[in-house]
């Protein structure tokens, strides 16, 4: 029975029971009938709870289906040639493309065509180190929450018991969870183009603007995931996190060059073989800034480079990008060097299973705003890209950081 049918039947039962109880004298037959009705009422109450639950889930399923269909319609519309033509016309000052979004945008905030968005994302993947290694999720909605089990690779609670003693007992092993909340942080690069250039140029100005914003989005996101501080930016993987497995040293000063001088073979060996849990040895990689890797390349034993093949190595065109048997990813993006006194601490290298220890979330839809008002006094048009993203550490014990403290 549906919930409404149950409600109507309950009302009928209550009316009949009340009529029986209103009599001054209740016969045995009336009492039996009242008991029968009360039992039916109890059964209906139980059925109503189940019916309400079913209807609530059915309503939720219908809502989710509508949302999915609307999203598919939006994606299909943004993938069409008609939308692309309207978008290109809007870039040149024409009417904005028709919006078919689940959440209506302001008239000036336009989602770029799916073709261009796919191109931007492919460019990002091709140019990025961290996006290819981390736990990446795109198309996120709302406020993302990362929930994960904090059980370490070598953590266990023994559940073994003596055999055949007749006194065995089970062992409680409860999971331990942690949560990381990720709010969407906006990335908003923009380009100004003069009205004169747009009207007189003999090349596709709009295409150049798109290409420039594409590159800026890619570079800003990569820097955020690598060197972001977590304040008005994502939290980068080179943010000093004392909860990771730590290899530490103290510099002789406050400059980055003096900190890098502390990158030694002994420290690298400690990261690789002592601090990195053995469970991750087959799935880990190094992420090393370019200036740090340049220092590692100079490490020698008896004047022989440790990690770069000698010049006379047959068939070897250059250095193999491995370090102690694990892949090396070199990034030119650096965190801001903390140059304060003895409190300053800087991360110079990261080793571990990056997808286990670091998560990236990117919210759906790359938007663009065409602003003809703000810079109208100088006859310029502002084109602004818009993307929302964030990143943070998760299972920190899957990572090893080399952190050097200033003197």
Protein backbone atom coordinates (compact mmCIF):
# COMPACT_ATOMS: atom_id res chain seq x y z
CA UNK A 1 0.00 0.00 0.00
CA UNK A 2 1.07 3.57 -0.63
CA UNK A 3 1.50 5.94 2.28
CA UNK A 4 -1.65 7.91 1.43
CA UNK A 5 -3.74 4.73 1.31
CA UNK A 6 -2.35 3.71 4.71
CA UNK A 7 -3.25 7.12 6.17
CA UNK A 8 -6.84 6.87 4.88
CA UNK A 9 -7.23 3.34 6.25
CA UNK A 10 -5.92 4.46 9.65
CA UNK A 11 -8.51 7.22 9.79
CA UNK A 12 -11.29 4.72 9.05
CA UNK A 13 -10.03 2.37 11.77
CA UNK A 14 -9.79 5.17 14.31
CA UNK A 15 -13.33 6.30 13.49
CA UNK A 16 -14.70 2.78 13.94
CA UNK A 17 -12.78 2.20 17.18
CA UNK A 18 -14.03 5.52 18.59
CA UNK A 19 -17.64 4.55 17.75
CA UNK A 20 -17.20 1.25 19.63
CA UNK A 21 -15.67 2.98 22.67
CA UNK A 22 -18.49 5.55 22.69
CA UNK A 23 -21.03 2.84 23.63
CA UNK A 24 -21.97 2.53 27.29
CA UNK A 25 -21.94 -1.24 27.04
CA UNK A 26 -19.43 -3.13 24.87
CA UNK A 27 -20.39 -6.64 23.83
CA UNK A 28 -17.90 -9.48 23.46
CA UNK A 29 -18.23 -9.22 19.69
CA UNK A 30 -17.53 -5.44 19.76
CA UNK A 31 -14.51 -5.96 22.04
CA UNK A 32 -13.15 -8.62 19.67
CA UNK A 33 -13.71 -6.26 16.75
CA UNK A 34 -11.89 -3.46 18.58
CA UNK A 35 -8.92 -5.77 19.28
CA UNK A 36 -8.87 -6.77 15.61
CA UNK A 37 -8.90 -3.11 14.52
CA UNK A 38 -6.14 -2.15 16.97
CA UNK A 39 -3.93 -5.00 15.71
CA UNK A 40 -4.55 -3.83 12.15
CA UNK A 41 -3.70 -0.27 13.20
CA UNK A 42 -0.40 -1.43 14.71
CA UNK A 43 0.40 -3.28 11.50
CA UNK A 44 -0.45 -0.21 9.45
CA UNK A 45 1.85 1.97 11.57
CA UNK A 46 4.74 -0.36 10.76
CA UNK A 47 3.80 -0.41 7.09
CA UNK A 48 3.55 3.38 7.04
CA UNK A 49 7.19 3.72 8.18
CA UNK A 50 8.31 1.36 5.43
CA UNK A 51 6.09 3.10 2.86
CA UNK A 52 7.42 6.52 3.88
CA UNK A 53 10.98 5.25 3.53
CA UNK A 54 10.26 3.77 0.10
CA UNK A 55 8.62 6.96 -1.11
CA UNK A 56 11.48 9.08 0.22
CA UNK A 57 14.03 6.96 -1.63
CA UNK A 58 11.88 7.00 -4.75
CA UNK A 59 11.67 10.80 -4.57
CA UNK A 60 15.44 11.02 -4.12
CA UNK A 61 16.01 8.70 -7.08
CA UNK A 62 13.71 10.80 -9.27
CA UNK A 63 15.51 13.99 -8.24
CA UNK A 64 18.90 12.46 -8.98
CA UNK A 65 17.64 11.29 -12.36
CA UNK A 66 16.43 14.81 -13.21
CA UNK A 67 19.75 16.29 -12.12
CA UNK A 68 21.69 13.76 -14.23
CA UNK A 69 19.48 14.39 -17.26
CA UNK A 70 19.88 18.17 -16.91
CA UNK A 71 23.64 17.76 -16.62
CA UNK A 72 23.72 15.56 -19.72
CA UNK A 73 21.64 18.11 -21.61
CA UNK A 74 24.06 20.88 -20.57
CA UNK A 75 27.09 18.85 -21.68
CA UNK A 76 25.41 17.96 -24.97
CA UNK A 77 24.52 21.62 -25.61
CA UNK A 78 28.07 22.80 -24.80
CA UNK A 79 29.43 20.16 -27.19
CA UNK A 80 27.31 21.38 -30.10
CA UNK A 81 28.58 23.46 -33.00
CA UNK A 82 25.76 25.95 -32.46
CA UNK A 83 26.94 26.73 -28.92
CA UNK A 84 30.52 27.11 -30.16
CA UNK A 85 29.41 29.58 -32.85
CA UNK A 86 27.40 31.57 -30.30
CA UNK A 87 30.40 31.57 -27.96
CA UNK A 88 32.77 32.89 -30.63
CA UNK A 89 30.24 35.55 -31.53
CA UNK A 90 29.98 36.54 -27.86
CA UNK A 91 33.78 36.90 -27.65
CA UNK A 92 33.57 39.43 -30.49
CA UNK A 93 30.91 41.42 -28.65
CA UNK A 94 27.74 39.66 -29.78
CA UNK A 95 24.87 38.16 -27.81
CA UNK A 96 25.73 35.69 -25.05
CA UNK A 97 25.16 31.98 -25.81
CA UNK A 98 21.89 30.51 -24.66
CA UNK A 99 22.32 29.07 -21.15
CA UNK A 100 21.07 25.55 -20.47
CA UNK A 101 22.70 25.00 -17.12
CA UNK A 102 21.34 23.28 -14.06
CA UNK A 103 22.32 26.37 -12.04
CA UNK A 104 21.67 29.55 -13.98
CA UNK A 105 24.78 31.71 -14.36
CA UNK A 106 24.89 35.47 -14.54
CA UNK A 107 24.57 36.72 -18.12
CA UNK A 108 28.25 37.66 -18.25
CA UNK A 109 29.55 34.34 -16.87
CA UNK A 110 29.63 31.86 -19.75
CA UNK A 111 30.80 28.25 -19.68
CA UNK A 112 33.24 27.76 -22.52
CA UNK A 113 32.37 25.18 -25.22
CA UNK A 114 33.11 21.57 -24.26
CA UNK A 115 35.60 21.29 -27.14
CA UNK A 116 37.73 24.09 -25.70
CA UNK A 117 37.35 22.82 -22.13
CA UNK A 118 38.56 19.35 -23.17
CA UNK A 119 41.52 21.00 -24.90
CA UNK A 120 42.41 22.95 -21.76
CA UNK A 121 42.19 19.83 -19.58
CA UNK A 122 44.37 17.85 -22.02
CA UNK A 123 46.90 20.68 -22.00
CA UNK A 124 46.90 20.65 -18.20
CA UNK A 125 47.50 16.91 -18.08
CA UNK A 126 50.33 17.16 -20.61
CA UNK A 127 52.06 19.99 -18.73
CA UNK A 128 51.39 18.84 -15.19
CA UNK A 129 53.42 16.69 -12.84
CA UNK A 130 51.16 16.56 -9.81
CA UNK A 131 47.80 16.12 -11.59
CA UNK A 132 49.07 12.89 -13.13
CA UNK A 133 50.18 11.46 -9.78
CA UNK A 134 47.67 12.66 -7.18
CA UNK A 135 44.17 11.42 -6.42
CA UNK A 136 42.40 13.68 -8.95
CA UNK A 137 38.63 14.18 -9.20
CA UNK A 138 37.11 16.65 -11.64
CA UNK A 139 33.53 17.85 -12.00
CA UNK A 140 33.08 18.17 -8.23
CA UNK A 141 30.00 19.97 -6.89
CA UNK A 142 29.34 21.62 -3.53
CA UNK A 143 31.91 21.48 -0.72
CA UNK A 144 34.09 18.40 -1.08
CA UNK A 145 34.96 16.28 1.97
CA UNK A 146 37.71 13.68 1.76
CA UNK A 147 37.07 10.79 4.14
CA UNK A 148 39.68 8.07 4.52
CA UNK A 149 40.84 5.27 6.80
CA UNK A 150 43.95 6.28 8.76
CA UNK A 151 45.12 2.70 9.37
CA UNK A 152 48.84 2.47 8.64
CA UNK A 153 50.40 -0.16 6.40
CA UNK A 154 51.97 -1.94 9.38
CA UNK A 155 49.13 -1.29 11.85
CA UNK A 156 47.20 -4.29 13.08
CA UNK A 157 45.45 -5.49 16.20
CA UNK A 158 46.11 -9.13 16.82
CA UNK A 159 42.93 -11.21 16.71
CA UNK A 160 44.65 -14.57 17.12
CA UNK A 161 43.62 -16.77 20.03
CA UNK A 162 44.95 -20.02 21.52
CA UNK A 163 43.43 -23.11 19.87
CA UNK A 164 41.28 -25.68 21.62
CA UNK A 165 41.27 -23.98 25.02
CA UNK A 166 37.54 -23.38 25.18
CA UNK A 167 38.25 -19.81 26.31
CA UNK A 168 38.68 -17.96 23.02
CA UNK A 169 37.41 -14.39 22.71
CA UNK A 170 37.05 -12.05 19.77
CA UNK A 171 39.10 -8.86 19.42
CA UNK A 172 37.58 -5.43 18.73
CA UNK A 173 39.10 -3.84 15.62
CA UNK A 174 37.33 -0.58 14.88
CA UNK A 175 38.23 1.53 11.84
CA UNK A 176 39.71 4.97 12.44
CA UNK A 177 38.59 7.64 9.98
CA UNK A 178 39.70 11.20 9.28
CA UNK A 179 38.14 13.92 7.16
CA UNK A 180 39.60 16.79 5.16
CA UNK A 181 37.23 19.55 4.07
CA UNK A 182 38.01 21.20 0.73
CA UNK A 183 36.32 24.49 -0.13
CA UNK A 184 36.40 25.56 -3.80
CA UNK A 185 39.19 28.12 -4.26
CA UNK A 186 38.76 30.34 -7.36
CA UNK A 187 41.50 30.72 -9.97
CA UNK A 188 40.78 33.91 -11.96
CA UNK A 189 43.36 34.87 -14.61
CA UNK A 190 42.31 37.61 -17.03
CA UNK A 191 43.53 39.32 -20.20
CA UNK A 192 42.83 42.88 -21.38
CA UNK A 193 42.41 43.52 -25.09
CA UNK A 194 42.01 46.97 -26.62
CA UNK A 195 38.96 47.71 -28.74
CA UNK A 196 41.33 48.98 -31.42
CA UNK A 197 43.19 45.68 -31.59
CA UNK A 198 39.98 43.66 -31.71
CA UNK A 199 38.65 45.73 -34.62
CA UNK A 200 41.86 46.17 -36.63
CA UNK A 201 43.93 43.02 -36.07
CA UNK A 202 44.52 40.78 -39.07
CA UNK A 203 44.71 37.67 -36.84
CA UNK A 204 42.30 35.86 -34.54
CA UNK A 205 42.62 37.89 -31.33
CA UNK A 206 40.02 35.79 -29.53
CA UNK A 207 41.95 32.59 -30.22
CA UNK A 208 45.09 34.16 -28.75
CA UNK A 209 43.13 35.20 -25.65
CA UNK A 210 41.80 31.66 -25.24
CA UNK A 211 45.29 30.20 -25.64
CA UNK A 212 46.73 32.63 -23.10
CA UNK A 213 44.04 31.94 -20.51
CA UNK A 214 44.43 28.21 -21.11
CA UNK A 215 48.12 28.42 -20.31
CA UNK A 216 47.53 30.63 -17.28
CA UNK A 217 44.95 28.26 -15.82
CA UNK A 218 47.33 25.35 -16.28
CA UNK A 219 50.31 27.13 -14.72
CA UNK A 220 48.31 28.56 -11.81
CA UNK A 221 46.78 25.20 -10.96
CA UNK A 222 50.11 23.40 -11.15
CA UNK A 223 51.80 25.94 -8.90
CA UNK A 224 48.89 25.74 -6.45
CA UNK A 225 49.13 21.94 -6.18
CA UNK A 226 52.94 22.10 -5.85
CA UNK A 227 53.73 25.23 -3.86
CA UNK A 228 50.40 26.64 -2.67
CA UNK A 229 50.27 27.67 0.96
CA UNK A 230 46.64 26.78 1.64
CA UNK A 231 45.82 30.48 2.25
CA UNK A 232 43.92 31.95 -0.71
CA UNK A 233 45.32 29.05 -2.73
CA UNK A 234 45.30 25.24 -2.67
CA UNK A 235 47.62 23.50 -0.22
CA UNK A 236 50.63 22.30 -2.22
CA UNK A 237 52.43 19.02 -1.72
CA UNK A 238 55.60 20.94 -0.75
CA UNK A 239 53.82 22.55 2.20
CA UNK A 240 55.71 21.39 5.29
CA UNK A 241 53.52 18.74 6.94
CA UNK A 242 55.00 17.35 10.12
CA UNK A 243 52.52 14.44 10.10
CA UNK A 244 54.28 12.88 7.11
CA UNK A 245 57.32 10.66 7.55
CA UNK A 246 60.07 13.22 8.18
CA UNK A 247 63.71 13.44 7.18
CA UNK A 248 65.13 16.66 8.61
CA UNK A 249 68.28 18.75 8.70
CA UNK A 250 69.32 22.26 9.68
CA UNK A 251 70.72 24.78 7.23
CA UNK A 252 73.68 27.09 7.89
CA UNK A 253 71.64 30.17 6.96
CA UNK A 254 68.28 31.34 5.66
CA UNK A 255 68.69 31.20 1.85
CA UNK A 256 67.31 28.49 -0.41
CA UNK A 257 70.79 27.73 -1.76
CA UNK A 258 72.05 26.91 1.74
CA UNK A 259 69.00 24.74 2.37
CA UNK A 260 69.55 22.81 -0.87
CA UNK A 261 73.16 22.20 0.15
CA UNK A 262 71.76 19.88 2.83
CA UNK A 263 70.43 17.46 0.19
CA UNK A 264 72.94 14.64 0.53
CA UNK A 265 73.16 11.00 -0.46
CA UNK A 266 72.65 10.03 3.18
CA UNK A 267 69.40 12.03 3.39
CA UNK A 268 68.08 10.57 0.13
CA UNK A 269 68.95 7.06 1.29
CA UNK A 270 67.16 7.70 4.60
CA UNK A 271 64.04 8.86 2.73
CA UNK A 272 64.08 5.87 0.37
CA UNK A 273 64.97 2.97 2.63
CA UNK A 274 64.25 4.04 6.23
CA UNK A 275 61.27 6.40 6.19
CA UNK A 276 59.24 5.15 3.20
CA UNK A 277 57.05 2.22 4.36
CA UNK A 278 58.02 -0.95 2.51
CA UNK A 279 54.41 -1.45 1.41
CA UNK A 280 54.84 1.59 -0.87
CA UNK A 281 58.19 0.68 -2.40
CA UNK A 282 56.58 -0.67 -5.55
CA UNK A 283 54.19 2.25 -6.10
CA UNK A 284 56.12 5.37 -5.08
CA UNK A 285 57.75 8.22 -6.98
CA UNK A 286 59.91 11.26 -6.25
CA UNK A 287 58.76 14.84 -6.85
CA UNK A 288 61.80 17.10 -6.83
CA UNK A 289 62.15 20.81 -7.71
CA UNK A 290 64.49 21.55 -10.60
CA UNK A 291 67.11 23.35 -8.49
CA UNK A 292 67.20 20.47 -6.01
CA UNK A 293 67.54 17.90 -8.79
CA UNK A 294 70.42 19.92 -10.24
CA UNK A 295 72.20 19.56 -6.89
CA UNK A 296 71.48 15.81 -6.77
CA UNK A 297 73.00 15.53 -10.25
CA UNK A 298 76.32 16.83 -8.88
CA UNK A 299 76.63 14.11 -6.21
CA UNK A 300 79.68 11.99 -7.03
CA UNK A 301 81.74 9.12 -5.65
CA UNK A 302 85.34 9.06 -6.87
CA UNK A 303 84.37 11.81 -9.34
CA UNK A 304 81.70 9.56 -10.89
CA UNK A 305 78.15 10.96 -10.92
CA UNK A 306 75.85 8.78 -8.86
CA UNK A 307 72.61 9.39 -10.71
CA UNK A 308 73.63 10.64 -14.16
CA UNK A 309 75.40 8.27 -16.58
CA UNK A 310 78.89 9.27 -17.66
CA UNK A 311 79.38 10.95 -21.03
CA UNK A 312 80.95 7.84 -22.59
CA UNK A 313 78.06 5.54 -21.68
CA UNK A 314 77.16 3.68 -24.87
CA UNK A 315 73.61 4.23 -26.09
CA UNK A 316 72.74 6.52 -23.20
CA UNK A 317 71.42 9.88 -24.41
CA UNK A 318 70.90 11.36 -20.96
CA UNK A 319 69.94 10.71 -17.40
CA UNK A 320 67.36 8.08 -16.74
CA UNK A 321 64.69 9.71 -14.59
CA UNK A 322 64.93 7.26 -11.71
CA UNK A 323 66.48 7.71 -8.31
CA UNK A 324 67.26 4.64 -6.22
CA UNK A 325 64.99 2.59 -8.45
CA UNK A 326 61.95 4.88 -8.30
CA UNK A 327 60.64 7.32 -10.94
CA UNK A 328 61.59 10.99 -10.62
CA UNK A 329 59.28 13.86 -11.61
CA UNK A 330 61.01 17.22 -11.78
CA UNK A 331 58.99 20.41 -11.37
CA UNK A 332 60.05 23.98 -12.01
CA UNK A 333 57.34 25.28 -9.68
CA UNK A 334 58.64 26.07 -6.22
CA UNK A 335 56.98 26.91 -2.93
CA UNK A 336 57.73 30.36 -1.55
CA UNK A 337 61.00 30.04 0.38
CA UNK A 338 60.55 30.72 4.08
CA UNK A 339 63.58 32.86 4.95
CA UNK A 340 62.74 33.72 8.55
CA UNK A 341 65.22 32.80 11.29
CA UNK A 342 65.35 29.51 13.13
CA UNK A 343 61.56 29.05 12.76
CA UNK A 344 61.74 28.85 8.98
CA UNK A 345 61.37 25.37 7.54
CA UNK A 346 61.28 24.37 3.85
CA UNK A 347 60.37 21.12 2.09
CA UNK A 348 62.94 20.24 -0.59
CA UNK A 349 61.77 16.83 -1.83
CA UNK A 350 58.78 14.51 -1.57
CA UNK A 351 58.78 10.73 -1.94
CA UNK A 352 55.90 8.31 -1.68
CA UNK A 353 52.64 7.03 -3.13
CA UNK A 354 51.28 10.39 -4.24
CA UNK A 355 47.75 9.17 -5.08
CA UNK A 356 47.39 7.75 -1.55
CA UNK A 357 48.80 10.78 0.23
CA UNK A 358 47.59 13.77 -1.77
CA UNK A 359 44.19 14.62 -3.26
CA UNK A 360 43.11 17.21 -5.84
CA UNK A 361 39.52 18.29 -6.46
CA UNK A 362 38.42 20.46 -9.38
CA UNK A 363 34.90 21.82 -9.65
CA UNK A 364 32.99 21.36 -12.89
CA UNK A 365 32.91 23.84 -15.73
CA UNK A 366 35.56 26.32 -16.86
CA UNK A 367 33.89 29.70 -17.13
CA UNK A 368 34.73 32.96 -18.86
CA UNK A 369 33.58 36.54 -18.29
CA UNK A 370 33.64 39.26 -20.93
CA UNK A 371 33.79 42.62 -19.15
CA UNK A 372 33.37 45.74 -21.29
CA UNK A 373 32.63 48.10 -18.36
CA UNK A 374 35.56 47.99 -15.93
CA UNK A 375 38.22 49.20 -18.41
CA UNK A 376 35.94 51.18 -20.74
CA UNK A 377 37.76 54.45 -19.96
CA UNK A 378 40.83 53.05 -21.76
CA UNK A 379 38.74 51.35 -24.48
CA UNK A 380 39.66 47.86 -23.36
CA UNK A 381 37.76 44.62 -22.92
CA UNK A 382 38.64 42.22 -20.09
CA UNK A 383 38.38 38.48 -20.71
CA UNK A 384 38.57 36.53 -17.46
CA UNK A 385 38.96 32.79 -17.05
CA UNK A 386 37.38 31.09 -14.05
CA UNK A 387 38.02 27.73 -12.44
CA UNK A 388 37.60 26.37 -8.91
CA UNK A 389 39.98 23.84 -7.35
CA UNK A 390 41.67 22.78 -4.13
CA UNK A 391 44.10 20.15 -2.83
CA UNK A 392 45.29 18.74 0.50
CA UNK A 393 47.09 15.84 2.17
CA UNK A 394 45.20 12.65 3.02
CA UNK A 395 47.05 9.47 4.08
CA UNK A 396 50.18 11.33 5.15
CA UNK A 397 52.12 8.23 6.18
CA UNK A 398 52.38 7.24 2.52
CA UNK A 399 54.64 10.28 1.98
CA UNK A 400 58.17 11.23 3.05
CA UNK A 401 59.24 14.88 3.13
CA UNK A 402 62.80 16.22 3.32
CA UNK A 403 62.45 19.34 5.47
CA UNK A 404 65.34 21.70 6.20
CA UNK A 405 65.11 24.21 9.05
CA UNK A 406 66.93 27.55 8.83
CA UNK A 407 69.84 28.21 11.15
